[in-house]
C-alpha atoms as a PDB file:
ATOM      1  CA  MET A   1      30.050  -0.425  55.396  1.00  0.00           C
ATOM      2  CA  GLU A   2      31.936   2.819  54.834  1.00  0.00           C
ATOM      3  CA  LEU A   3      32.680   4.679  58.080  1.00  0.00           C
ATOM      4  CA  ARG A   4      33.792   8.230  58.814  1.00  0.00           C
ATOM      5  CA  THR A   5      34.707  10.133  61.951  1.00  0.00           C
ATOM      6  CA  LEU A   6      32.031  12.680  62.852  1.00  0.00           C
ATOM      7  CA  GLY A   7      33.868  15.994  63.060  1.00  0.00           C
ATOM      8  CA  LYS A   8      36.484  16.127  65.789  1.00  0.00           C
ATOM      9  CA  SER A   9      34.620  13.630  67.962  1.00  0.00           C
ATOM     10  CA  ALA A  10      35.575  10.031  68.648  1.00  0.00           C
ATOM     11  CA  LEU A  11      32.379   8.804  66.956  1.00  0.00           C
ATOM     12  CA  GLU A  12      32.823   6.562  63.906  1.00  0.00           C
ATOM     13  CA  VAL A  13      29.575   6.654  61.949  1.00  0.00           C
ATOM     14  CA  SER A  14      28.335   4.778  58.903  1.00  0.00           C
ATOM     15  CA  ARG A  15      28.082   6.817  55.698  1.00  0.00           C
ATOM     16  CA  ILE A  16      24.408   5.842  55.557  1.00  0.00           C
ATOM     17  CA  GLY A  17      22.377   6.759  58.613  1.00  0.00           C
ATOM     18  CA  PHE A  18      18.967   5.377  59.597  1.00  0.00           C
ATOM     19  CA  GLY A  19      16.423   8.199  59.795  1.00  0.00           C
ATOM     20  CA  SER A  20      13.725   7.423  62.369  1.00  0.00           C
ATOM     21  CA  TRP A  21      11.050  10.040  61.754  1.00  0.00           C
ATOM     22  CA  ALA A  22       8.765   7.740  59.770  1.00  0.00           C
ATOM     23  CA  ILE A  23       8.857   4.844  62.255  1.00  0.00           C
ATOM     24  CA  GLY A  24       7.417   7.157  64.894  1.00  0.00           C
ATOM     25  CA  GLY A  25       4.060   6.584  63.241  1.00  0.00           C
ATOM     26  CA  HIS A  26       3.160  10.243  62.847  1.00  0.00           C
ATOM     27  CA  GLY A  27       3.757  12.316  59.741  1.00  0.00           C
ATOM     28  CA  TYR A  28       4.434   9.585  57.181  1.00  0.00           C
ATOM     29  CA  GLY A  29       1.161   7.706  57.002  1.00  0.00           C
ATOM     30  CA  TYR A  30       0.540   4.217  58.347  1.00  0.00           C
ATOM     31  CA  VAL A  31       3.555   2.449  59.843  1.00  0.00           C
ATOM     32  CA  ASP A  32       3.684  -1.085  61.245  1.00  0.00           C
ATOM     33  CA  ASP A  33       5.893  -1.377  64.336  1.00  0.00           C
ATOM     34  CA  ASP A  34       6.923  -4.969  63.641  1.00  0.00           C
ATOM     35  CA  THR A  35       8.017  -4.043  60.127  1.00  0.00           C
ATOM     36  CA  SER A  36       9.887  -1.018  61.513  1.00  0.00           C
ATOM     37  CA  LYS A  37      11.788  -3.285  63.899  1.00  0.00           C
ATOM     38  CA  LYS A  38      12.752  -5.540  61.008  1.00  0.00           C
ATOM     39  CA  ALA A  39      14.008  -2.479  59.138  1.00  0.00           C
ATOM     40  CA  ILE A  40      16.231  -1.588  62.104  1.00  0.00           C
ATOM     41  CA  TRP A  41      17.525  -5.169  62.305  1.00  0.00           C
ATOM     42  CA  LYS A  42      18.311  -5.094  58.593  1.00  0.00           C
ATOM     43  CA  ALA A  43      20.242  -1.854  59.106  1.00  0.00           C
ATOM     44  CA  LEU A  44      22.304  -3.506  61.835  1.00  0.00           C
ATOM     45  CA  ASP A  45      22.950  -6.524  59.586  1.00  0.00           C
ATOM     46  CA  LEU A  46      24.249  -4.217  56.857  1.00  0.00           C
ATOM     47  CA  GLY A  47      26.616  -2.399  59.207  1.00  0.00           C
ATOM     48  CA  ILE A  48      24.626   0.809  59.679  1.00  0.00           C
ATOM     49  CA  ASN A  49      25.533   2.132  63.129  1.00  0.00           C
ATOM     50  CA  PHE A  50      24.136   5.677  63.060  1.00  0.00           C
ATOM     51  CA  PHE A  51      20.496   5.972  64.131  1.00  0.00           C
ATOM     52  CA  ASP A  52      18.951   9.447  64.188  1.00  0.00           C
ATOM     53  CA  THR A  53      15.701  10.226  65.975  1.00  0.00           C
ATOM     54  CA  ALA A  54      14.065  13.031  67.999  1.00  0.00           C
ATOM     55  CA  SER A  55      11.850  13.305  71.037  1.00  0.00           C
ATOM     56  CA  VAL A  56       9.060  14.747  68.872  1.00  0.00           C
ATOM     57  CA  TYR A  57       9.017  11.902  66.318  1.00  0.00           C
ATOM     58  CA  GLY A  58       5.786  10.086  67.049  1.00  0.00           C
ATOM     59  CA  PHE A  59       5.672  12.066  70.318  1.00  0.00           C
ATOM     60  CA  GLY A  60       8.331   9.794  71.806  1.00  0.00           C
ATOM     61  CA  HIS A  61       7.328   6.590  70.035  1.00  0.00           C
ATOM     62  CA  SER A  62      10.263   6.652  67.626  1.00  0.00           C
ATOM     63  CA  GLU A  63      12.783   6.689  70.480  1.00  0.00           C
ATOM     64  CA  SER A  64      10.986   3.909  72.359  1.00  0.00           C
ATOM     65  CA  LEU A  65      10.642   1.692  69.297  1.00  0.00           C
ATOM     66  CA  LEU A  66      14.252   2.273  68.273  1.00  0.00           C
ATOM     67  CA  SER A  67      15.455   1.253  71.730  1.00  0.00           C
ATOM     68  CA  GLU A  68      13.275  -1.857  71.749  1.00  0.00           C
ATOM     69  CA  ALA A  69      14.479  -2.977  68.322  1.00  0.00           C
ATOM     70  CA  LEU A  70      18.149  -2.288  69.011  1.00  0.00           C
ATOM     71  CA  GLY A  71      18.108  -4.196  72.281  1.00  0.00           C
ATOM     72  CA  GLU A  72      21.611  -4.496  73.739  1.00  0.00           C
ATOM     73  CA  GLN A  73      23.012  -3.022  70.528  1.00  0.00           C
ATOM     74  CA  ARG A  74      21.738   0.360  71.703  1.00  0.00           C
ATOM     75  CA  HIS A  75      24.881   0.582  73.853  1.00  0.00           C
ATOM     76  CA  LYS A  76      27.160  -0.081  70.872  1.00  0.00           C
ATOM     77  CA  VAL A  77      25.711   2.004  68.031  1.00  0.00           C
ATOM     78  CA  VAL A  78      25.667   5.791  67.700  1.00  0.00           C
ATOM     79  CA  ILE A  79      22.235   7.076  68.668  1.00  0.00           C
ATOM     80  CA  ALA A  80      21.560  10.721  67.870  1.00  0.00           C
ATOM     81  CA  THR A  81      18.420  12.369  69.152  1.00  0.00           C
ATOM     82  CA  LYS A  82      17.149  15.935  69.278  1.00  0.00           C
ATOM     83  CA  PHE A  83      15.328  18.394  71.514  1.00  0.00           C
ATOM     84  CA  GLY A  84      13.675  21.765  71.002  1.00  0.00           C
ATOM     85  CA  VAL A  85      10.444  20.790  69.218  1.00  0.00           C
ATOM     86  CA  ASN A  86       7.800  19.993  71.815  1.00  0.00           C
ATOM     87  CA  TRP A  87       4.112  19.157  71.868  1.00  0.00           C
ATOM     88  CA  ASP A  88       1.079  19.782  74.029  1.00  0.00           C
ATOM     89  CA  SER A  89      -1.706  17.403  75.085  1.00  0.00           C
ATOM     90  CA  GLU A  90      -3.480  17.918  71.747  1.00  0.00           C
ATOM     91  CA  GLY A  91      -0.389  17.245  69.641  1.00  0.00           C
ATOM     92  CA  ASN A  92       0.258  20.871  68.726  1.00  0.00           C
ATOM     93  CA  LEU A  93       3.959  21.539  68.145  1.00  0.00           C
ATOM     94  CA  TYR A  94       5.971  24.446  69.521  1.00  0.00           C
ATOM     95  CA  ARG A  95       9.644  25.266  69.953  1.00  0.00           C
ATOM     96  CA  ASP A  96      11.291  25.693  73.338  1.00  0.00           C
ATOM     97  CA  CYS A  97      15.045  25.552  73.941  1.00  0.00           C
ATOM     98  CA  SER A  98      15.007  26.933  77.482  1.00  0.00           C
ATOM     99  CA  SER A  99      17.261  25.311  80.071  1.00  0.00           C
ATOM    100  CA  GLN A 100      14.298  23.849  81.917  1.00  0.00           C
ATOM    101  CA  ARG A 101      12.916  22.311  78.744  1.00  0.00           C
ATOM    102  CA  ILE A 102      16.303  20.909  77.695  1.00  0.00           C
ATOM    103  CA  LEU A 103      16.637  19.099  81.005  1.00  0.00           C
ATOM    104  CA  GLN A 104      13.073  17.751  80.809  1.00  0.00           C
ATOM    105  CA  SER A 105      13.523  16.597  77.213  1.00  0.00           C
ATOM    106  CA  LEU A 106      16.836  14.942  77.985  1.00  0.00           C
ATOM    107  CA  GLU A 107      15.405  12.919  80.866  1.00  0.00           C
ATOM    108  CA  GLY A 108      12.536  11.800  78.643  1.00  0.00           C
ATOM    109  CA  SER A 109      14.870  10.711  75.847  1.00  0.00           C
ATOM    110  CA  LEU A 110      17.178   8.852  78.243  1.00  0.00           C
ATOM    111  CA  ARG A 111      14.182   7.009  79.660  1.00  0.00           C
ATOM    112  CA  ARG A 112      12.697   6.066  76.283  1.00  0.00           C
ATOM    113  CA  LEU A 113      16.025   5.094  74.752  1.00  0.00           C
ATOM    114  CA  ARG A 114      16.987   3.191  77.919  1.00  0.00           C
ATOM    115  CA  VAL A 115      20.557   4.496  77.957  1.00  0.00           C
ATOM    116  CA  ASP A 116      22.608   6.340  80.561  1.00  0.00           C
ATOM    117  CA  SER A 117      24.219   8.649  78.043  1.00  0.00           C
ATOM    118  CA  ILE A 118      23.239   9.833  74.549  1.00  0.00           C
ATOM    119  CA  PRO A 119      26.146   9.789  72.059  1.00  0.00           C
ATOM    120  CA  LEU A 120      24.934  12.839  70.110  1.00  0.00           C
ATOM    121  CA  TYR A 121      22.360  15.275  71.496  1.00  0.00           C
ATOM    122  CA  GLN A 122      21.214  17.810  68.911  1.00  0.00           C
ATOM    123  CA  ILE A 123      19.396  21.121  68.957  1.00  0.00           C
ATOM    124  CA  HIS A 124      16.514  20.331  66.579  1.00  0.00           C
ATOM    125  CA  TRP A 125      15.409  23.906  65.814  1.00  0.00           C
ATOM    126  CA  HIS A 126      16.361  27.088  67.630  1.00  0.00           C
ATOM    127  CA  ASP A 127      13.295  28.657  69.235  1.00  0.00           C
ATOM    128  CA  GLY A 128      14.289  32.230  68.322  1.00  0.00           C
ATOM    129  CA  ARG A 129      14.172  33.301  71.961  1.00  0.00           C
ATOM    130  CA  THR A 130      16.652  31.435  74.116  1.00  0.00           C
ATOM    131  CA  SER A 131      20.200  32.680  73.799  1.00  0.00           C
ATOM    132  CA  ILE A 132      22.731  30.297  72.282  1.00  0.00           C
ATOM    133  CA  ASP A 133      24.937  30.934  75.324  1.00  0.00           C
ATOM    134  CA  GLU A 134      22.211  29.601  77.633  1.00  0.00           C
ATOM    135  CA  ILE A 135      21.586  26.572  75.438  1.00  0.00           C
ATOM    136  CA  MET A 136      25.252  25.651  75.142  1.00  0.00           C
ATOM    137  CA  GLU A 137      25.896  26.212  78.855  1.00  0.00           C
ATOM    138  CA  THR A 138      23.028  23.875  79.754  1.00  0.00           C
ATOM    139  CA  LEU A 139      24.192  21.241  77.285  1.00  0.00           C
ATOM    140  CA  GLN A 140      27.749  21.400  78.593  1.00  0.00           C
ATOM    141  CA  LEU A 141      26.433  20.818  82.107  1.00  0.00           C
ATOM    142  CA  CYS A 142      24.582  17.769  80.787  1.00  0.00           C
ATOM    143  CA  ARG A 143      27.797  16.584  79.149  1.00  0.00           C
ATOM    144  CA  ASP A 144      29.787  17.143  82.337  1.00  0.00           C
ATOM    145  CA  ALA A 145      27.191  15.041  84.166  1.00  0.00           C
ATOM    146  CA  GLY A 146      27.798  12.216  81.667  1.00  0.00           C
ATOM    147  CA  LYS A 147      24.265  12.269  80.254  1.00  0.00           C
ATOM    148  CA  ILE A 148      25.390  13.205  76.751  1.00  0.00           C
ATOM    149  CA  ARG A 149      28.719  12.706  74.960  1.00  0.00           C
ATOM    150  CA  TYR A 150      28.609  15.294  72.188  1.00  0.00           C
ATOM    151  CA  ILE A 151      26.521  18.296  71.137  1.00  0.00           C
ATOM    152  CA  GLY A 152      25.151  18.756  67.626  1.00  0.00           C
ATOM    153  CA  CYS A 153      23.192  21.448  65.764  1.00  0.00           C
ATOM    154  CA  CYS A 154      20.363  21.025  63.262  1.00  0.00           C
ATOM    155  CA  ASN A 155      18.874  23.572  60.875  1.00  0.00           C
ATOM    156  CA  PHE A 156      21.218  26.341  62.027  1.00  0.00           C
ATOM    157  CA  LEU A 157      22.004  29.455  60.002  1.00  0.00           C
ATOM    158  CA  PRO A 158      25.669  30.555  59.803  1.00  0.00           C
ATOM    159  CA  GLU A 159      25.321  33.170  62.556  1.00  0.00           C
ATOM    160  CA  LEU A 160      23.848  30.576  64.934  1.00  0.00           C
ATOM    161  CA  ILE A 161      26.677  28.152  64.220  1.00  0.00           C
ATOM    162  CA  ASP A 162      29.220  30.899  64.872  1.00  0.00           C
ATOM    163  CA  ALA A 163      27.507  31.721  68.159  1.00  0.00           C
ATOM    164  CA  ALA A 164      27.398  28.045  69.179  1.00  0.00           C
ATOM    165  CA  ARG A 165      31.079  27.610  68.384  1.00  0.00           C
ATOM    166  CA  ALA A 166      31.933  30.754  70.345  1.00  0.00           C
ATOM    167  CA  SER A 167      30.166  29.558  73.496  1.00  0.00           C
ATOM    168  CA  GLY A 168      30.552  25.789  73.256  1.00  0.00           C
ATOM    169  CA  ASP A 169      31.829  22.908  71.221  1.00  0.00           C
ATOM    170  CA  PRO A 170      29.253  21.544  68.737  1.00  0.00           C
ATOM    171  CA  ILE A 171      30.776  18.703  66.726  1.00  0.00           C
ATOM    172  CA  SER A 172      28.206  18.402  63.938  1.00  0.00           C
ATOM    173  CA  LEU A 173      25.583  20.094  61.804  1.00  0.00           C
ATOM    174  CA  GLN A 174      22.538  18.328  60.409  1.00  0.00           C
ATOM    175  CA  ALA A 175      21.065  20.145  57.413  1.00  0.00           C
ATOM    176  CA  LEU A 176      18.781  19.583  54.440  1.00  0.00           C
ATOM    177  CA  TYR A 177      20.658  18.725  51.248  1.00  0.00           C
ATOM    178  CA  ASN A 178      19.810  16.881  48.044  1.00  0.00           C
ATOM    179  CA  VAL A 179      20.190  17.081  44.273  1.00  0.00           C
ATOM    180  CA  ARG A 180      17.597  19.864  44.020  1.00  0.00           C
ATOM    181  CA  ASN A 181      17.885  21.699  47.335  1.00  0.00           C
ATOM    182  CA  ARG A 182      21.452  22.915  47.749  1.00  0.00           C
ATOM    183  CA  GLU A 183      21.001  26.137  49.687  1.00  0.00           C
ATOM    184  CA  ASN A 184      23.108  24.739  52.545  1.00  0.00           C
ATOM    185  CA  GLU A 185      26.069  23.740  50.391  1.00  0.00           C
ATOM    186  CA  LYS A 186      28.411  26.596  51.381  1.00  0.00           C
ATOM    187  CA  LEU A 187      27.362  26.337  55.020  1.00  0.00           C
ATOM    188  CA  MET A 188      28.141  22.628  55.058  1.00  0.00           C
ATOM    189  CA  ALA A 189      31.516  23.183  53.405  1.00  0.00           C
ATOM    190  CA  ASP A 190      32.320  25.850  55.996  1.00  0.00           C
ATOM    191  CA  CYS A 191      31.487  23.383  58.779  1.00  0.00           C
ATOM    192  CA  LEU A 192      34.039  20.984  57.351  1.00  0.00           C
ATOM    193  CA  ASP A 193      36.625  23.761  57.568  1.00  0.00           C
ATOM    194  CA  HIS A 194      35.756  24.129  61.277  1.00  0.00           C
ATOM    195  CA  GLN A 195      36.152  20.358  61.824  1.00  0.00           C
ATOM    196  CA  MET A 196      32.423  19.874  62.305  1.00  0.00           C
ATOM    197  CA  GLY A 197      30.842  16.719  60.920  1.00  0.00           C
ATOM    198  CA  VAL A 198      28.008  17.155  58.434  1.00  0.00           C
ATOM    199  CA  VAL A 199      24.880  14.994  58.356  1.00  0.00           C
ATOM    200  CA  ALA A 200      22.689  15.578  55.295  1.00  0.00           C
ATOM    201  CA  TYR A 201      18.974  14.877  55.634  1.00  0.00           C
ATOM    202  CA  GLU A 202      16.138  14.670  53.093  1.00  0.00           C
ATOM    203  CA  VAL A 203      18.694  13.366  50.607  1.00  0.00           C
ATOM    204  CA  LEU A 204      15.791  11.738  48.756  1.00  0.00           C
ATOM    205  CA  GLY A 205      13.521  14.767  49.050  1.00  0.00           C
ATOM    206  CA  ARG A 206      11.178  12.880  51.407  1.00  0.00           C
ATOM    207  CA  GLY A 207      11.043  10.071  48.844  1.00  0.00           C
ATOM    208  CA  LEU A 208      10.545  12.255  45.775  1.00  0.00           C
ATOM    209  CA  PHE A 209      13.788  11.090  44.184  1.00  0.00           C
ATOM    210  CA  SER A 210      13.109   7.412  44.786  1.00  0.00           C
ATOM    211  CA  GLY A 211      11.272   6.994  41.486  1.00  0.00           C
ATOM    212  CA  LYS A 212       8.149   5.571  43.128  1.00  0.00           C
ATOM    213  CA  TYR A 213       5.833   8.585  42.863  1.00  0.00           C
ATOM    214  CA  SER A 214       3.794   9.943  39.989  1.00  0.00           C
ATOM    215  CA  ILE A 215       1.691  13.037  39.398  1.00  0.00           C
ATOM    216  CA  LYS A 216      -1.304  11.019  40.644  1.00  0.00           C
ATOM    217  CA  SER A 217       0.265  10.047  43.979  1.00  0.00           C
ATOM    218  CA  GLU A 218      -1.855  10.950  46.989  1.00  0.00           C
ATOM    219  CA  PHE A 219      -1.116  11.119  50.718  1.00  0.00           C
ATOM    220  CA  GLY A 220      -3.463  10.822  53.670  1.00  0.00           C
ATOM    221  CA  GLU A 221      -4.135  13.412  56.361  1.00  0.00           C
ATOM    222  CA  ASN A 222      -1.674  11.713  58.715  1.00  0.00           C
ATOM    223  CA  ASP A 223       1.079  12.283  56.172  1.00  0.00           C
ATOM    224  CA  THR A 224       2.730  15.711  56.242  1.00  0.00           C
ATOM    225  CA  ARG A 225       3.693  15.301  52.583  1.00  0.00           C
ATOM    226  CA  SER A 226       0.060  16.072  51.738  1.00  0.00           C
ATOM    227  CA  ARG A 227       0.826  19.642  52.859  1.00  0.00           C
ATOM    228  CA  ASP A 228       4.362  19.856  51.466  1.00  0.00           C
ATOM    229  CA  GLN A 229       4.794  22.202  48.484  1.00  0.00           C
ATOM    230  CA  GLN A 230       7.347  19.810  46.957  1.00  0.00           C
ATOM    231  CA  PHE A 231       4.501  17.354  46.347  1.00  0.00           C
ATOM    232  CA  ARG A 232       2.193  19.840  44.609  1.00  0.00           C
ATOM    233  CA  GLU A 233       1.552  20.690  40.971  1.00  0.00           C
ATOM    234  CA  LYS A 234       4.546  22.199  39.142  1.00  0.00           C
ATOM    235  CA  ASP A 235       6.979  21.366  41.939  1.00  0.00           C
ATOM    236  CA  LEU A 236       5.867  17.744  41.907  1.00  0.00           C
ATOM    237  CA  GLU A 237       6.139  17.561  38.130  1.00  0.00           C
ATOM    238  CA  ARG A 238       9.666  18.891  38.250  1.00  0.00           C
ATOM    239  CA  ASN A 239      10.701  16.527  41.038  1.00  0.00           C
ATOM    240  CA  ILE A 240       9.301  13.550  39.143  1.00  0.00           C
ATOM    241  CA  GLU A 241      11.342  14.623  36.117  1.00  0.00           C
ATOM    242  CA  ILE A 242      14.471  14.839  38.275  1.00  0.00           C
ATOM    243  CA  SER A 243      13.749  11.319  39.505  1.00  0.00           C
ATOM    244  CA  ARG A 244      13.401  10.114  35.919  1.00  0.00           C
ATOM    245  CA  MET A 245      16.744  11.612  34.965  1.00  0.00           C
ATOM    246  CA  LEU A 246      18.378  10.084  38.048  1.00  0.00           C
ATOM    247  CA  SER A 247      17.030   6.728  36.903  1.00  0.00           C
ATOM    248  CA  GLU A 248      18.639   7.233  33.492  1.00  0.00           C
ATOM    249  CA  VAL A 249      22.024   7.982  35.040  1.00  0.00           C
ATOM    250  CA  GLY A 250      21.758   5.154  37.568  1.00  0.00           C
ATOM    251  CA  ALA A 251      20.814   2.617  34.905  1.00  0.00           C
ATOM    252  CA  ARG A 252      24.351   2.860  33.525  1.00  0.00           C
ATOM    253  CA  TYR A 253      25.606   1.398  36.791  1.00  0.00           C
ATOM    254  CA  GLY A 254      22.738  -0.958  37.512  1.00  0.00           C
ATOM    255  CA  LYS A 255      21.493   1.448  40.177  1.00  0.00           C
ATOM    256  CA  SER A 256      18.112   3.017  40.937  1.00  0.00           C
ATOM    257  CA  ALA A 257      17.142   6.682  41.099  1.00  0.00           C
ATOM    258  CA  SER A 258      17.328   6.678  44.905  1.00  0.00           C
ATOM    259  CA  GLN A 259      20.736   5.007  44.977  1.00  0.00           C
ATOM    260  CA  THR A 260      22.023   7.553  42.473  1.00  0.00           C
ATOM    261  CA  ALA A 261      20.638  10.477  44.487  1.00  0.00           C
ATOM    262  CA  ILE A 262      22.224   9.187  47.700  1.00  0.00           C
ATOM    263  CA  ARG A 263      25.543   8.432  45.995  1.00  0.00           C
ATOM    264  CA  TRP A 264      25.706  11.981  44.639  1.00  0.00           C
ATOM    265  CA  VAL A 265      25.318  13.344  48.184  1.00  0.00           C
ATOM    266  CA  LEU A 266      27.912  10.927  49.601  1.00  0.00           C
ATOM    267  CA  ASP A 267      30.432  12.015  46.993  1.00  0.00           C
ATOM    268  CA  LYS A 268      30.397  15.566  48.365  1.00  0.00           C
ATOM    269  CA  SER A 269      33.599  15.969  50.393  1.00  0.00           C
ATOM    270  CA  PHE A 270      31.806  17.911  53.134  1.00  0.00           C
ATOM    271  CA  VAL A 271      29.170  15.219  53.825  1.00  0.00           C
ATOM    272  CA  THR A 272      30.028  12.812  56.625  1.00  0.00           C
ATOM    273  CA  CYS A 273      26.774  10.866  56.599  1.00  0.00           C
ATOM    274  CA  ALA A 274      23.652  10.758  54.430  1.00  0.00           C
ATOM    275  CA  LEU A 275      20.595  10.290  56.612  1.00  0.00           C
ATOM    276  CA  VAL A 276      17.863   8.295  54.879  1.00  0.00           C
ATOM    277  CA  GLY A 277      14.525   7.339  56.382  1.00  0.00           C
ATOM    278  CA  ALA A 278      13.208   3.786  56.104  1.00  0.00           C
ATOM    279  CA  LYS A 279      10.067   1.946  57.175  1.00  0.00           C
ATOM    280  CA  THR A 280      10.823  -1.512  55.740  1.00  0.00           C
ATOM    281  CA  PRO A 281      13.834  -3.849  55.388  1.00  0.00           C
ATOM    282  CA  ALA A 282      13.595  -3.517  51.605  1.00  0.00           C
ATOM    283  CA  GLN A 283      14.009   0.254  51.839  1.00  0.00           C
ATOM    284  CA  VAL A 284      17.088  -0.145  54.052  1.00  0.00           C
ATOM    285  CA  GLU A 285      18.611  -2.589  51.581  1.00  0.00           C
ATOM    286  CA  GLU A 286      17.821  -0.223  48.730  1.00  0.00           C
ATOM    287  CA  ASN A 287      19.525   2.663  50.546  1.00  0.00           C
ATOM    288  CA  ALA A 288      22.624   0.583  51.242  1.00  0.00           C
ATOM    289  CA  GLY A 289      22.950  -0.005  47.495  1.00  0.00           C
ATOM    290  CA  SER A 290      24.281   3.534  47.227  1.00  0.00           C
ATOM    291  CA  LEU A 291      27.591   2.372  48.719  1.00  0.00           C
ATOM    292  CA  GLY A 292      30.616   0.835  47.044  1.00  0.00           C
ATOM    293  CA  TRP A 293      30.474   2.519  43.636  1.00  0.00           C
ATOM    294  CA  CYS A 294      30.892   5.930  42.040  1.00  0.00           C
ATOM    295  CA  MET A 295      29.835   7.849  38.953  1.00  0.00           C
ATOM    296  CA  VAL A 296      32.175   9.018  36.229  1.00  0.00           C
ATOM    297  CA  GLU A 297      32.724  12.771  35.972  1.00  0.00           C
ATOM    298  CA  GLU A 298      30.311  13.158  33.065  1.00  0.00           C
ATOM    299  CA  ASP A 299      27.436  11.634  35.021  1.00  0.00           C
ATOM    300  CA  LEU A 300      28.277  13.587  38.172  1.00  0.00           C
ATOM    301  CA  GLU A 301      28.066  16.770  36.143  1.00  0.00           C
ATOM    302  CA  ARG A 302      24.737  15.711  34.654  1.00  0.00           C
ATOM    303  CA  VAL A 303      23.319  15.285  38.155  1.00  0.00           C
ATOM    304  CA  ASN A 304      24.887  18.594  39.200  1.00  0.00           C
ATOM    305  CA  LEU A 305      22.894  20.327  36.477  1.00  0.00           C
ATOM    306  CA  LEU A 306      19.567  18.998  37.756  1.00  0.00           C
ATOM    307  CA  LYS A 307      19.400  21.996  40.089  1.00  0.00           C
ATOM    308  CA  SER A 308      18.704  24.258  37.136  1.00  0.00           C
ATOM    309  CA  PRO A 309      15.079  24.414  35.882  1.00  0.00           C
ATOM    310  CA  LYS A 310      16.423  24.978  32.338  1.00  0.00           C
ATOM    311  CA  VAL A 311      17.740  21.422  32.236  1.00  0.00           C
ATOM    312  CA  LEU A 312      14.228  20.089  32.733  1.00  0.00           C
ATOM    313  CA  VAL A 313      12.503  22.163  30.054  1.00  0.00           C
END
């Protein structure tokens, strides 16, 4: 397994990270807990040591299940969780990054994960109200108390990152990035310049670039992809075409569309880790197939051009 240091921290993380949203059992359709545990065990077998979750995933279930599956390994791997997206008794989501809520969320995550300290504690989404100074001050108090080791940011705009760096010491940014959605490319490169690690998520476009969907694919009400514009009409058609072209490139190396999409992300110098969700051992094994090879310049450029709609006409 390829490893990299996450920013200026002492954390050595696998280039492939295990994304734990789906195993929470809410937002990605039906999920079997026993199969999810086997997926986590497979990740451990393959050397994956970075497991990303959030308190809101499955309303806490993702953290609990991850802890149960990891067992004693939970003290040896790098667990990253997040706060800031909360829920009420009816499952309605809202954002709250106040000091009081941070402390409540942290205690809940520590309890569910069954650890004394969280290696990487991340601001999931800024709530638009709480000052970055207040957030960072609270997190640094948590770090001083030994309850977290490092602070990370997710979904931050440049001005928020600057503010966080001015009032604290965030060591990483987690941001959306894949072959089609590259809006965060400059931001991620800038983070590298500031010695912040970069974790890319949705590298497969929520599965769109895996090659397993068609224009007829449908998703149930308990699957947020049923309401995602990427999975609708013209957007879906274009994403399916991108997947087809990824398959063509990957075939030259004996690799699938998903492995090609992940490899392209990993080959970006500013990406520390590509975070990929998985619900089954087979999916984990498939994701790991993106390691240990590279594309020639001609094929890299062909994938680079997939961002442009003109290429797909």
